Amino acid sequence: MKMSRRRWIWIVAAALAVPVAAGFVFVVLIGNVMSGFGACRVVRQKAYASPSGSKLVVVVWKECGATVPDSTQASIVARGRTLSPDSTPTFLSVREHQDVLVAWSSEQAVRIGFIPGTVQVYKREARAGDVSIAYD
């Protein structure tokens, strides 16, 4: 029995389409798995209110997996606002998980302390908006 040319073309096209479709699915699955490796998890530790309660120093631990060291970060946010790791600037960022002590002196001044040692400091700002920051 002789196969028509049209039928032959359909068989070849189908035979080529299956590996292409399988390859596409594989790439999409691998892409989704790999994107999870770069994702960071932010774990809120504590929030310290200013004397009037209008501002908070929020301390978080940022964990990004095995390839990036964990860090401890602090930011100032207005009461009632949500801390957003992507849009809230940090004024303090240090390597590893650290216990941070926070003491507000006034609405515009705060003291930050943590146990010194082998802490690698990534960021240590003297101001965050209208708040001056002193370190112990």
C-alpha atoms as a PDB file:
ATOM      1  CA  MET A   1       0.000   0.000   0.000  1.00  0.00           C
ATOM      2  CA  LYS A   2       1.376   3.309  -1.068  1.00  0.00           C
ATOM      3  CA  MET A   3       1.180   6.242   1.352  1.00  0.00           C
ATOM      4  CA  SER A   4       0.034   9.565  -0.069  1.00  0.00           C
ATOM      5  CA  ARG A   5       2.378  12.491   0.031  1.00  0.00           C
ATOM      6  CA  ARG A   6       0.022  14.511   2.239  1.00  0.00           C
ATOM      7  CA  ARG A   7      -0.203  11.719   4.807  1.00  0.00           C
ATOM      8  CA  TRP A   8       3.598  11.352   4.781  1.00  0.00           C
ATOM      9  CA  ILE A   9       4.023  15.106   5.509  1.00  0.00           C
ATOM     10  CA  TRP A  10       1.596  14.856   8.455  1.00  0.00           C
ATOM     11  CA  ILE A  11       3.479  11.908   9.947  1.00  0.00           C
ATOM     12  CA  VAL A  12       6.831  13.713   9.668  1.00  0.00           C
ATOM     13  CA  ALA A  13       5.346  16.940  11.121  1.00  0.00           C
ATOM     14  CA  ALA A  14       3.832  15.033  14.060  1.00  0.00           C
ATOM     15  CA  ALA A  15       7.082  13.182  14.679  1.00  0.00           C
ATOM     16  CA  LEU A  16       8.953  16.507  14.843  1.00  0.00           C
ATOM     17  CA  ALA A  17       6.295  18.289  16.922  1.00  0.00           C
ATOM     18  CA  VAL A  18       6.358  15.822  19.819  1.00  0.00           C
ATOM     19  CA  PRO A  19      10.044  16.398  20.755  1.00  0.00           C
ATOM     20  CA  VAL A  20       9.663  20.163  20.298  1.00  0.00           C
ATOM     21  CA  ALA A  21       6.606  20.257  22.585  1.00  0.00           C
ATOM     22  CA  ALA A  22       8.315  18.018  25.150  1.00  0.00           C
ATOM     23  CA  GLY A  23      11.388  20.273  25.064  1.00  0.00           C
ATOM     24  CA  PHE A  24       9.225  23.353  25.636  1.00  0.00           C
ATOM     25  CA  VAL A  25       7.513  21.738  28.641  1.00  0.00           C
ATOM     26  CA  PHE A  26      10.911  20.715  30.036  1.00  0.00           C
ATOM     27  CA  VAL A  27      12.289  24.265  29.694  1.00  0.00           C
ATOM     28  CA  VAL A  28       9.212  25.753  31.390  1.00  0.00           C
ATOM     29  CA  LEU A  29       9.409  23.247  34.277  1.00  0.00           C
ATOM     30  CA  ILE A  30      13.143  23.800  34.795  1.00  0.00           C
ATOM     31  CA  GLY A  31      12.623  27.581  34.642  1.00  0.00           C
ATOM     32  CA  ASN A  32       9.974  27.419  37.352  1.00  0.00           C
ATOM     33  CA  VAL A  33      12.156  25.245  39.588  1.00  0.00           C
ATOM     34  CA  MET A  34      15.222  27.466  39.106  1.00  0.00           C
ATOM     35  CA  SER A  35      13.312  30.690  39.819  1.00  0.00           C
ATOM     36  CA  GLY A  36      12.529  29.312  43.278  1.00  0.00           C
ATOM     37  CA  PHE A  37      16.253  29.033  44.058  1.00  0.00           C
ATOM     38  CA  GLY A  38      16.763  32.796  43.698  1.00  0.00           C
ATOM     39  CA  ALA A  39      13.767  33.740  45.821  1.00  0.00           C
ATOM     40  CA  CYS A  40      14.420  35.211  49.240  1.00  0.00           C
ATOM     41  CA  ARG A  41      12.332  34.768  52.349  1.00  0.00           C
ATOM     42  CA  VAL A  42      11.950  37.686  54.759  1.00  0.00           C
ATOM     43  CA  VAL A  43      11.194  36.765  58.375  1.00  0.00           C
ATOM     44  CA  ARG A  44      10.059  39.646  60.572  1.00  0.00           C
ATOM     45  CA  GLN A  45      11.768  39.533  63.971  1.00  0.00           C
ATOM     46  CA  LYS A  46      10.577  42.560  65.899  1.00  0.00           C
ATOM     47  CA  ALA A  47       9.216  46.087  65.544  1.00  0.00           C
ATOM     48  CA  TYR A  48      10.180  48.941  67.879  1.00  0.00           C
ATOM     49  CA  ALA A  49       7.794  51.905  68.088  1.00  0.00           C
ATOM     50  CA  SER A  50       8.992  55.505  68.391  1.00  0.00           C
ATOM     51  CA  PRO A  51       7.877  57.457  71.513  1.00  0.00           C
ATOM     52  CA  SER A  52       4.686  58.715  69.826  1.00  0.00           C
ATOM     53  CA  GLY A  53       4.173  55.424  68.000  1.00  0.00           C
ATOM     54  CA  SER A  54       4.158  57.107  64.584  1.00  0.00           C
ATOM     55  CA  LYS A  55       7.252  55.243  63.321  1.00  0.00           C
ATOM     56  CA  LEU A  56       8.636  51.737  63.680  1.00  0.00           C
ATOM     57  CA  VAL A  57      12.091  50.282  63.351  1.00  0.00           C
ATOM     58  CA  VAL A  58      11.390  46.875  61.823  1.00  0.00           C
ATOM     59  CA  VAL A  59      14.092  44.199  62.096  1.00  0.00           C
ATOM     60  CA  VAL A  60      13.978  41.241  59.702  1.00  0.00           C
ATOM     61  CA  TRP A  61      16.084  38.244  58.765  1.00  0.00           C
ATOM     62  CA  LYS A  62      16.512  37.769  55.043  1.00  0.00           C
ATOM     63  CA  GLU A  63      17.181  34.210  53.913  1.00  0.00           C
ATOM     64  CA  CYS A  64      18.042  33.596  50.265  1.00  0.00           C
ATOM     65  CA  GLY A  65      19.155  29.973  50.195  1.00  0.00           C
ATOM     66  CA  ALA A  66      22.498  28.240  50.168  1.00  0.00           C
ATOM     67  CA  THR A  67      24.270  30.493  47.682  1.00  0.00           C
ATOM     68  CA  VAL A  68      23.659  33.821  49.481  1.00  0.00           C
ATOM     69  CA  PRO A  69      24.454  34.328  53.190  1.00  0.00           C
ATOM     70  CA  ASP A  70      21.543  35.161  55.479  1.00  0.00           C
ATOM     71  CA  SER A  71      21.376  38.746  56.696  1.00  0.00           C
ATOM     72  CA  THR A  72      19.751  40.854  59.374  1.00  0.00           C
ATOM     73  CA  GLN A  73      18.221  44.114  58.147  1.00  0.00           C
ATOM     74  CA  ALA A  74      16.487  47.077  59.714  1.00  0.00           C
ATOM     75  CA  SER A  75      14.185  49.684  58.188  1.00  0.00           C
ATOM     76  CA  ILE A  76      12.014  52.535  59.408  1.00  0.00           C
ATOM     77  CA  VAL A  77       8.372  52.514  58.386  1.00  0.00           C
ATOM     78  CA  ALA A  78       5.444  54.726  59.325  1.00  0.00           C
ATOM     79  CA  ARG A  79       2.930  53.084  61.661  1.00  0.00           C
ATOM     80  CA  GLY A  80       0.158  51.480  59.653  1.00  0.00           C
ATOM     81  CA  ARG A  81       2.394  50.950  56.613  1.00  0.00           C
ATOM     82  CA  THR A  82       3.552  47.520  55.535  1.00  0.00           C
ATOM     83  CA  LEU A  83       7.220  46.672  55.262  1.00  0.00           C
ATOM     84  CA  SER A  84       7.980  45.784  51.657  1.00  0.00           C
ATOM     85  CA  PRO A  85      11.434  44.241  51.128  1.00  0.00           C
ATOM     86  CA  ASP A  86      11.402  45.485  47.546  1.00  0.00           C
ATOM     87  CA  SER A  87      10.473  49.120  48.189  1.00  0.00           C
ATOM     88  CA  THR A  88      11.306  49.904  51.844  1.00  0.00           C
ATOM     89  CA  PRO A  89      14.932  51.024  52.119  1.00  0.00           C
ATOM     90  CA  THR A  90      17.097  49.452  54.789  1.00  0.00           C
ATOM     91  CA  PHE A  91      19.445  51.551  56.912  1.00  0.00           C
ATOM     92  CA  LEU A  92      21.236  48.548  58.439  1.00  0.00           C
ATOM     93  CA  SER A  93      22.245  45.266  56.851  1.00  0.00           C
ATOM     94  CA  VAL A  94      24.669  42.795  58.437  1.00  0.00           C
ATOM     95  CA  ARG A  95      25.652  39.246  57.632  1.00  0.00           C
ATOM     96  CA  GLU A  96      24.053  36.332  59.514  1.00  0.00           C
ATOM     97  CA  HIS A  97      21.210  36.396  62.031  1.00  0.00           C
ATOM     98  CA  GLN A  98      21.865  39.022  64.689  1.00  0.00           C
ATOM     99  CA  ASP A  99      19.888  40.150  67.734  1.00  0.00           C
ATOM    100  CA  VAL A 100      19.434  43.883  67.231  1.00  0.00           C
ATOM    101  CA  LEU A 101      18.680  46.199  70.150  1.00  0.00           C
ATOM    102  CA  VAL A 102      16.725  49.370  69.383  1.00  0.00           C
ATOM    103  CA  ALA A 103      16.160  52.368  71.664  1.00  0.00           C
ATOM    104  CA  TRP A 104      14.388  55.508  70.498  1.00  0.00           C
ATOM    105  CA  SER A 105      15.731  58.749  72.069  1.00  0.00           C
ATOM    106  CA  SER A 106      13.079  60.923  70.400  1.00  0.00           C
ATOM    107  CA  GLU A 107      10.924  60.915  67.260  1.00  0.00           C
ATOM    108  CA  GLN A 108      13.985  61.844  65.202  1.00  0.00           C
ATOM    109  CA  ALA A 109      16.722  59.825  66.936  1.00  0.00           C
ATOM    110  CA  VAL A 110      17.271  56.124  67.493  1.00  0.00           C
ATOM    111  CA  ARG A 111      20.158  54.039  68.867  1.00  0.00           C
ATOM    112  CA  ILE A 112      20.965  50.649  67.383  1.00  0.00           C
ATOM    113  CA  GLY A 113      23.092  48.010  69.052  1.00  0.00           C
ATOM    114  CA  PHE A 114      24.098  44.445  68.417  1.00  0.00           C
ATOM    115  CA  ILE A 115      26.734  42.178  69.843  1.00  0.00           C
ATOM    116  CA  PRO A 116      29.992  43.062  68.105  1.00  0.00           C
ATOM    117  CA  GLY A 117      32.322  40.422  66.837  1.00  0.00           C
ATOM    118  CA  THR A 118      32.848  38.910  63.465  1.00  0.00           C
ATOM    119  CA  VAL A 119      29.790  40.657  62.047  1.00  0.00           C
ATOM    120  CA  GLN A 120      30.267  41.727  58.452  1.00  0.00           C
ATOM    121  CA  VAL A 121      28.435  45.020  57.924  1.00  0.00           C
ATOM    122  CA  TYR A 122      26.948  45.497  54.457  1.00  0.00           C
ATOM    123  CA  LYS A 123      25.155  48.774  55.153  1.00  0.00           C
ATOM    124  CA  ARG A 124      25.160  51.151  58.123  1.00  0.00           C
ATOM    125  CA  GLU A 125      23.476  54.492  57.421  1.00  0.00           C
ATOM    126  CA  ALA A 126      23.616  57.500  59.770  1.00  0.00           C
ATOM    127  CA  ARG A 127      20.159  58.694  58.672  1.00  0.00           C
ATOM    128  CA  ALA A 128      16.890  57.214  57.460  1.00  0.00           C
ATOM    129  CA  GLY A 129      14.633  59.998  56.257  1.00  0.00           C
ATOM    130  CA  ASP A 130      14.294  62.512  59.109  1.00  0.00           C
ATOM    131  CA  VAL A 131      15.622  60.073  61.737  1.00  0.00           C
ATOM    132  CA  SER A 132      19.265  60.159  62.837  1.00  0.00           C
ATOM    133  CA  ILE A 133      20.773  56.797  63.757  1.00  0.00           C
ATOM    134  CA  ALA A 134      23.545  56.166  66.282  1.00  0.00           C
ATOM    135  CA  TYR A 135      25.225  52.787  66.704  1.00  0.00           C
ATOM    136  CA  ASP A 136      26.567  51.118  69.851  1.00  0.00           C
END
